[in-house]
C-alpha atoms as a PDB file:
ATOM      1  CA  MET A   1     123.243  18.979   8.707  1.00  0.00           C
ATOM      2  CA  PRO A   2     121.858  15.417   8.377  1.00  0.00           C
ATOM      3  CA  LYS A   3     118.169  15.180   7.646  1.00  0.00           C
ATOM      4  CA  VAL A   4     116.059  14.108  10.632  1.00  0.00           C
ATOM      5  CA  SER A   5     113.429  11.503   9.765  1.00  0.00           C
ATOM      6  CA  ASP A   6     109.750  11.925  10.556  1.00  0.00           C
ATOM      7  CA  ASP A   7     109.924   8.769  12.650  1.00  0.00           C
ATOM      8  CA  TYR A   8     112.710  10.254  14.793  1.00  0.00           C
ATOM      9  CA  LYS A   9     110.746  13.488  15.242  1.00  0.00           C
ATOM     10  CA  GLU A  10     107.674  11.598  16.381  1.00  0.00           C
ATOM     11  CA  ARG A  11     109.651   9.463  18.829  1.00  0.00           C
ATOM     12  CA  LYS A  12     111.345  12.570  20.240  1.00  0.00           C
ATOM     13  CA  ARG A  13     108.004  14.327  20.550  1.00  0.00           C
ATOM     14  CA  GLU A  14     106.523  11.358  22.422  1.00  0.00           C
ATOM     15  CA  SER A  15     109.570  11.247  24.692  1.00  0.00           C
ATOM     16  CA  LEU A  16     109.177  14.929  25.549  1.00  0.00           C
ATOM     17  CA  LEU A  17     105.479  14.458  26.289  1.00  0.00           C
ATOM     18  CA  GLU A  18     106.244  11.531  28.583  1.00  0.00           C
ATOM     19  CA  SER A  19     108.897  13.556  30.408  1.00  0.00           C
ATOM     20  CA  ALA A  20     106.477  16.450  30.808  1.00  0.00           C
ATOM     21  CA  LEU A  21     103.796  14.159  32.241  1.00  0.00           C
ATOM     22  CA  LYS A  22     106.218  12.785  34.822  1.00  0.00           C
ATOM     23  CA  CYS A  23     107.318  16.294  35.781  1.00  0.00           C
ATOM     24  CA  PHE A  24     103.736  17.508  36.095  1.00  0.00           C
ATOM     25  CA  GLY A  25     102.891  14.463  38.190  1.00  0.00           C
ATOM     26  CA  GLU A  26     105.793  14.889  40.588  1.00  0.00           C
ATOM     27  CA  LYS A  27     105.892  18.669  40.942  1.00  0.00           C
ATOM     28  CA  GLY A  28     102.408  19.727  39.907  1.00  0.00           C
ATOM     29  CA  PHE A  29     101.495  21.623  36.757  1.00  0.00           C
ATOM     30  CA  HIS A  30     101.788  25.073  38.310  1.00  0.00           C
ATOM     31  CA  SER A  31     105.237  24.456  39.845  1.00  0.00           C
ATOM     32  CA  THR A  32     106.755  22.758  36.808  1.00  0.00           C
ATOM     33  CA  THR A  33     108.826  24.954  34.484  1.00  0.00           C
ATOM     34  CA  MET A  34     110.066  24.326  30.964  1.00  0.00           C
ATOM     35  CA  ASP A  35     113.568  24.119  32.482  1.00  0.00           C
ATOM     36  CA  ASP A  36     112.360  21.247  34.677  1.00  0.00           C
ATOM     37  CA  ILE A  37     111.068  19.391  31.646  1.00  0.00           C
ATOM     38  CA  VAL A  38     114.307  20.056  29.764  1.00  0.00           C
ATOM     39  CA  ALA A  39     116.312  18.622  32.677  1.00  0.00           C
ATOM     40  CA  TYR A  40     114.032  15.625  33.080  1.00  0.00           C
ATOM     41  CA  SER A  41     114.074  14.793  29.352  1.00  0.00           C
ATOM     42  CA  LYS A  42     117.885  15.253  29.186  1.00  0.00           C
ATOM     43  CA  THR A  43     117.603  17.369  26.081  1.00  0.00           C
ATOM     44  CA  SER A  44     118.355  20.969  25.185  1.00  0.00           C
ATOM     45  CA  LYS A  45     116.042  23.928  25.695  1.00  0.00           C
ATOM     46  CA  GLY A  46     116.393  24.816  22.025  1.00  0.00           C
ATOM     47  CA  LEU A  47     115.242  21.360  20.979  1.00  0.00           C
ATOM     48  CA  ILE A  48     112.189  21.271  23.217  1.00  0.00           C
ATOM     49  CA  TYR A  49     111.088  24.691  21.991  1.00  0.00           C
ATOM     50  CA  ASN A  50     111.209  23.353  18.441  1.00  0.00           C
ATOM     51  CA  TYR A  51     108.337  21.077  19.423  1.00  0.00           C
ATOM     52  CA  PHE A  52     106.424  23.019  22.066  1.00  0.00           C
ATOM     53  CA  LYS A  53     106.300  26.728  22.840  1.00  0.00           C
ATOM     54  CA  SER A  54     105.067  26.439  26.434  1.00  0.00           C
ATOM     55  CA  LYS A  55     104.146  23.986  29.161  1.00  0.00           C
ATOM     56  CA  GLU A  56     100.487  24.786  28.436  1.00  0.00           C
ATOM     57  CA  GLU A  57     100.974  23.606  24.857  1.00  0.00           C
ATOM     58  CA  LEU A  58     102.703  20.483  26.164  1.00  0.00           C
ATOM     59  CA  TYR A  59      99.797  19.715  28.453  1.00  0.00           C
ATOM     60  CA  LEU A  60      97.178  20.282  25.755  1.00  0.00           C
ATOM     61  CA  GLU A  61      99.009  17.837  23.492  1.00  0.00           C
ATOM     62  CA  LEU A  62      99.182  15.323  26.331  1.00  0.00           C
ATOM     63  CA  MET A  63      95.494  15.773  27.042  1.00  0.00           C
ATOM     64  CA  GLN A  64      94.516  15.269  23.414  1.00  0.00           C
ATOM     65  CA  GLU A  65      96.570  12.094  23.116  1.00  0.00           C
ATOM     66  CA  ARG A  66      95.173  10.703  26.373  1.00  0.00           C
ATOM     67  CA  THR A  67      91.643  11.541  25.255  1.00  0.00           C
ATOM     68  CA  LYS A  68      92.184   9.748  21.948  1.00  0.00           C
ATOM     69  CA  LEU A  69      93.518   6.660  23.737  1.00  0.00           C
ATOM     70  CA  THR A  70      90.632   6.736  26.219  1.00  0.00           C
ATOM     71  CA  PHE A  71      87.965   6.690  23.508  1.00  0.00           C
ATOM     72  CA  GLU A  72      89.820   4.040  21.532  1.00  0.00           C
ATOM     73  CA  ARG A  73      89.805   1.851  24.647  1.00  0.00           C
ATOM     74  CA  ILE A  74      86.113   2.565  25.288  1.00  0.00           C
ATOM     75  CA  ASN A  75      85.151   1.731  21.697  1.00  0.00           C
ATOM     76  CA  GLU A  76      87.109  -1.515  21.965  1.00  0.00           C
ATOM     77  CA  HIS A  77      85.073  -2.454  25.047  1.00  0.00           C
ATOM     78  CA  PHE A  78      81.852  -1.452  23.273  1.00  0.00           C
ATOM     79  CA  LYS A  79      82.333  -4.037  20.507  1.00  0.00           C
ATOM     80  CA  ASN A  80      80.234  -6.524  22.463  1.00  0.00           C
ATOM     81  CA  CYS A  81      77.697  -3.949  23.675  1.00  0.00           C
ATOM     82  CA  GLU A  82      74.558  -3.504  21.625  1.00  0.00           C
ATOM     83  CA  THR A  83      72.214  -1.671  23.972  1.00  0.00           C
ATOM     84  CA  ALA A  84      72.623   1.673  25.677  1.00  0.00           C
ATOM     85  CA  THR A  85      72.247  -0.035  29.053  1.00  0.00           C
ATOM     86  CA  GLU A  86      75.129  -2.378  28.268  1.00  0.00           C
ATOM     87  CA  LYS A  87      77.288   0.583  27.258  1.00  0.00           C
ATOM     88  CA  MET A  88      76.553   2.463  30.472  1.00  0.00           C
ATOM     89  CA  ARG A  89      77.291  -0.602  32.592  1.00  0.00           C
ATOM     90  CA  GLU A  90      80.525  -1.218  30.695  1.00  0.00           C
ATOM     91  CA  LEU A  91      81.678   2.368  31.226  1.00  0.00           C
ATOM     92  CA  PHE A  92      81.182   2.108  34.965  1.00  0.00           C
ATOM     93  CA  LYS A  93      82.943  -1.255  34.982  1.00  0.00           C
ATOM     94  CA  MET A  94      85.936   0.194  33.126  1.00  0.00           C
ATOM     95  CA  TYR A  95      86.382   2.996  35.637  1.00  0.00           C
ATOM     96  CA  ARG A  96      85.643   0.766  38.630  1.00  0.00           C
ATOM     97  CA  GLU A  97      88.181  -1.857  37.587  1.00  0.00           C
ATOM     98  CA  ILE A  98      90.951   0.463  36.411  1.00  0.00           C
ATOM     99  CA  THR A  99      94.410  -0.437  37.733  1.00  0.00           C
ATOM    100  CA  LEU A 100      95.030   1.954  40.608  1.00  0.00           C
ATOM    101  CA  THR A 101      98.645   3.149  40.546  1.00  0.00           C
ATOM    102  CA  GLU A 102     100.634   6.135  41.779  1.00  0.00           C
ATOM    103  CA  GLU A 103     101.175   7.192  38.166  1.00  0.00           C
ATOM    104  CA  TRP A 104      97.422   7.228  37.592  1.00  0.00           C
ATOM    105  CA  ARG A 105      96.893   9.307  40.737  1.00  0.00           C
ATOM    106  CA  HIS A 106      99.499  11.773  39.463  1.00  0.00           C
ATOM    107  CA  LEU A 107      97.644  11.986  36.156  1.00  0.00           C
ATOM    108  CA  ILE A 108      94.361  12.782  37.899  1.00  0.00           C
ATOM    109  CA  ARG A 109      95.965  15.511  40.018  1.00  0.00           C
ATOM    110  CA  VAL A 110      97.619  17.101  36.987  1.00  0.00           C
ATOM    111  CA  HIS A 111      94.380  17.032  35.010  1.00  0.00           C
ATOM    112  CA  MET A 112      92.366  18.623  37.810  1.00  0.00           C
ATOM    113  CA  GLU A 113      95.035  21.237  38.467  1.00  0.00           C
ATOM    114  CA  PHE A 114      95.114  22.232  34.806  1.00  0.00           C
ATOM    115  CA  TRP A 115      91.320  22.207  34.559  1.00  0.00           C
ATOM    116  CA  ILE A 116      91.100  24.676  37.462  1.00  0.00           C
ATOM    117  CA  ASN A 117      94.006  26.757  36.141  1.00  0.00           C
ATOM    118  CA  SER A 118      92.348  27.044  32.709  1.00  0.00           C
ATOM    119  CA  ALA A 119      89.373  28.848  34.256  1.00  0.00           C
ATOM    120  CA  ARG A 120      91.698  31.805  34.913  1.00  0.00           C
ATOM    121  CA  HIS A 121      92.784  32.073  31.260  1.00  0.00           C
ATOM    122  CA  GLU A 122      90.100  32.626  28.641  1.00  0.00           C
ATOM    123  CA  ASN A 123      91.907  30.935  25.753  1.00  0.00           C
ATOM    124  CA  LEU A 124      92.663  27.798  27.793  1.00  0.00           C
ATOM    125  CA  GLN A 125      89.169  27.751  29.241  1.00  0.00           C
ATOM    126  CA  ASN A 126      87.672  27.850  25.748  1.00  0.00           C
ATOM    127  CA  ILE A 127      89.862  24.941  24.649  1.00  0.00           C
ATOM    128  CA  MET A 128      88.926  22.843  27.676  1.00  0.00           C
ATOM    129  CA  LEU A 129      85.214  23.605  27.365  1.00  0.00           C
ATOM    130  CA  ASP A 130      85.251  22.835  23.649  1.00  0.00           C
ATOM    131  CA  ARG A 131      86.909  19.471  24.361  1.00  0.00           C
ATOM    132  CA  TYR A 132      84.438  18.705  27.134  1.00  0.00           C
ATOM    133  CA  LYS A 133      81.357  19.572  25.090  1.00  0.00           C
ATOM    134  CA  LYS A 134      82.360  18.141  21.705  1.00  0.00           C
ATOM    135  CA  GLN A 135      84.002  14.956  22.920  1.00  0.00           C
ATOM    136  CA  TYR A 136      82.815  13.923  26.377  1.00  0.00           C
ATOM    137  CA  LEU A 137      79.296  15.369  26.544  1.00  0.00           C
ATOM    138  CA  GLN A 138      78.504  14.494  22.939  1.00  0.00           C
ATOM    139  CA  PHE A 139      79.735  10.929  23.427  1.00  0.00           C
ATOM    140  CA  MET A 140      77.496  10.401  26.438  1.00  0.00           C
ATOM    141  CA  ASN A 141      74.570  12.256  24.871  1.00  0.00           C
ATOM    142  CA  GLU A 142      74.536   9.731  22.016  1.00  0.00           C
ATOM    143  CA  ILE A 143      74.311   6.823  24.451  1.00  0.00           C
ATOM    144  CA  ILE A 144      71.477   8.460  26.402  1.00  0.00           C
ATOM    145  CA  GLU A 145      69.537   9.283  23.234  1.00  0.00           C
ATOM    146  CA  GLN A 146      70.019   5.704  22.015  1.00  0.00           C
ATOM    147  CA  GLY A 147      68.540   4.467  25.284  1.00  0.00           C
ATOM    148  CA  LYS A 148      65.574   6.838  25.071  1.00  0.00           C
ATOM    149  CA  LYS A 149      64.869   5.834  21.478  1.00  0.00           C
ATOM    150  CA  SER A 150      64.998   2.104  22.278  1.00  0.00           C
ATOM    151  CA  GLY A 151      62.798   2.515  25.346  1.00  0.00           C
ATOM    152  CA  GLU A 152      65.551   1.487  27.778  1.00  0.00           C
ATOM    153  CA  PHE A 153      65.733   4.938  29.332  1.00  0.00           C
ATOM    154  CA  LYS A 154      62.961   7.265  30.465  1.00  0.00           C
ATOM    155  CA  LYS A 155      61.726   9.592  27.740  1.00  0.00           C
ATOM    156  CA  GLU A 156      61.620  12.602  30.053  1.00  0.00           C
ATOM    157  CA  ILE A 157      65.289  12.603  31.089  1.00  0.00           C
ATOM    158  CA  GLN A 158      67.505  15.308  29.605  1.00  0.00           C
ATOM    159  CA  ALA A 159      70.477  13.754  27.805  1.00  0.00           C
ATOM    160  CA  GLU A 160      72.864  16.646  28.410  1.00  0.00           C
ATOM    161  CA  LEU A 161      71.960  16.860  32.096  1.00  0.00           C
ATOM    162  CA  VAL A 162      72.536  13.130  32.633  1.00  0.00           C
ATOM    163  CA  SER A 163      75.777  13.346  30.664  1.00  0.00           C
ATOM    164  CA  SER A 164      77.082  16.205  32.790  1.00  0.00           C
ATOM    165  CA  ILE A 165      76.098  14.353  35.975  1.00  0.00           C
ATOM    166  CA  PHE A 166      77.950  11.243  34.780  1.00  0.00           C
ATOM    167  CA  TRP A 167      81.213  13.087  34.073  1.00  0.00           C
ATOM    168  CA  ALA A 168      80.913  15.154  37.247  1.00  0.00           C
ATOM    169  CA  TYR A 169      80.736  11.935  39.265  1.00  0.00           C
ATOM    170  CA  ILE A 170      83.679  10.463  37.353  1.00  0.00           C
ATOM    171  CA  ASP A 171      85.841  13.541  37.996  1.00  0.00           C
ATOM    172  CA  GLY A 172      84.737  13.829  41.603  1.00  0.00           C
ATOM    173  CA  ILE A 173      85.401  10.213  42.553  1.00  0.00           C
ATOM    174  CA  CYS A 174      88.756  10.178  40.770  1.00  0.00           C
ATOM    175  CA  LEU A 175      89.835  13.434  42.416  1.00  0.00           C
ATOM    176  CA  HIS A 176      88.749  12.142  45.815  1.00  0.00           C
ATOM    177  CA  TYR A 177      90.732   8.959  45.292  1.00  0.00           C
ATOM    178  CA  SER A 178      93.846  10.850  44.180  1.00  0.00           C
ATOM    179  CA  VAL A 179      93.938  12.444  47.646  1.00  0.00           C
ATOM    180  CA  VAL A 180      92.444   9.772  49.914  1.00  0.00           C
ATOM    181  CA  GLU A 181      94.054   6.799  48.116  1.00  0.00           C
ATOM    182  CA  GLU A 182      91.617   4.193  49.438  1.00  0.00           C
ATOM    183  CA  ASP A 183      91.195   1.505  46.786  1.00  0.00           C
ATOM    184  CA  VAL A 184      88.211  -0.271  48.317  1.00  0.00           C
ATOM    185  CA  LEU A 185      86.313   2.989  48.878  1.00  0.00           C
ATOM    186  CA  TYR A 186      86.983   4.034  45.253  1.00  0.00           C
ATOM    187  CA  LYS A 187      85.377   0.849  43.929  1.00  0.00           C
ATOM    188  CA  GLN A 188      82.444   1.131  46.322  1.00  0.00           C
ATOM    189  CA  GLN A 189      81.795   4.727  45.292  1.00  0.00           C
ATOM    190  CA  PHE A 190      81.688   3.758  41.631  1.00  0.00           C
ATOM    191  CA  LYS A 191      79.374   0.826  42.284  1.00  0.00           C
ATOM    192  CA  GLN A 192      76.948   2.973  44.280  1.00  0.00           C
ATOM    193  CA  THR A 193      77.094   5.805  41.734  1.00  0.00           C
ATOM    194  CA  GLU A 194      76.326   3.326  38.960  1.00  0.00           C
ATOM    195  CA  GLU A 195      73.204   2.141  40.743  1.00  0.00           C
ATOM    196  CA  MET A 196      72.020   5.694  41.500  1.00  0.00           C
ATOM    197  CA  ILE A 197      72.398   6.863  37.897  1.00  0.00           C
ATOM    198  CA  MET A 198      70.964   3.688  36.361  1.00  0.00           C
ATOM    199  CA  ASN A 199      67.956   3.811  38.703  1.00  0.00           C
ATOM    200  CA  TYR A 200      67.407   7.410  37.624  1.00  0.00           C
ATOM    201  CA  ILE A 201      67.500   6.762  33.875  1.00  0.00           C
ATOM    202  CA  LEU A 202      66.164   3.213  33.421  1.00  0.00           C
ATOM    203  CA  THR A 203      62.510   2.609  32.650  1.00  0.00           C
ATOM    204  CA  LYS A 204      60.820   0.495  35.281  1.00  0.00           C
END
């Protein structure tokens, strides 16, 4: 048998992940089967199982890659942000000005569906909570603490509480948009949420 290069394996893996994401988006995570992904990717069942043992494993890989890309994009935007206030404003701007597409709506629906589904399975729930706490909450906590230390933000605010409120609003607005699909309302909700949170945390 000819030796398969690492580059080929990585490209095949990425292709399978992309096919899985499209399947999840079109059919929903719960309804999608490994057979669906096999058919969509035009590959063999044996091959796909060489890379991933289940659709849950496929999704977790997708989630991790998307998370990595998200923080890379955020850090790129933060290059010109020195203060905690600037970072918070830039985050809201990024979400408010995101390109609203059907593919993005599919991604939101899949994420929310998996997030809810994970609550019914202890091992998946632990993975999702670990990701949320160590990546998303910690990231926001550092910004809030920076703002408190510099005097930009009120000393009495609780970093973890503000962080959880921020991500809850992000998830809620995105989920709402994925169903309602009103672009103007989406942007207005983010703008108003930005002002509410900034008024709560900023020193007068």
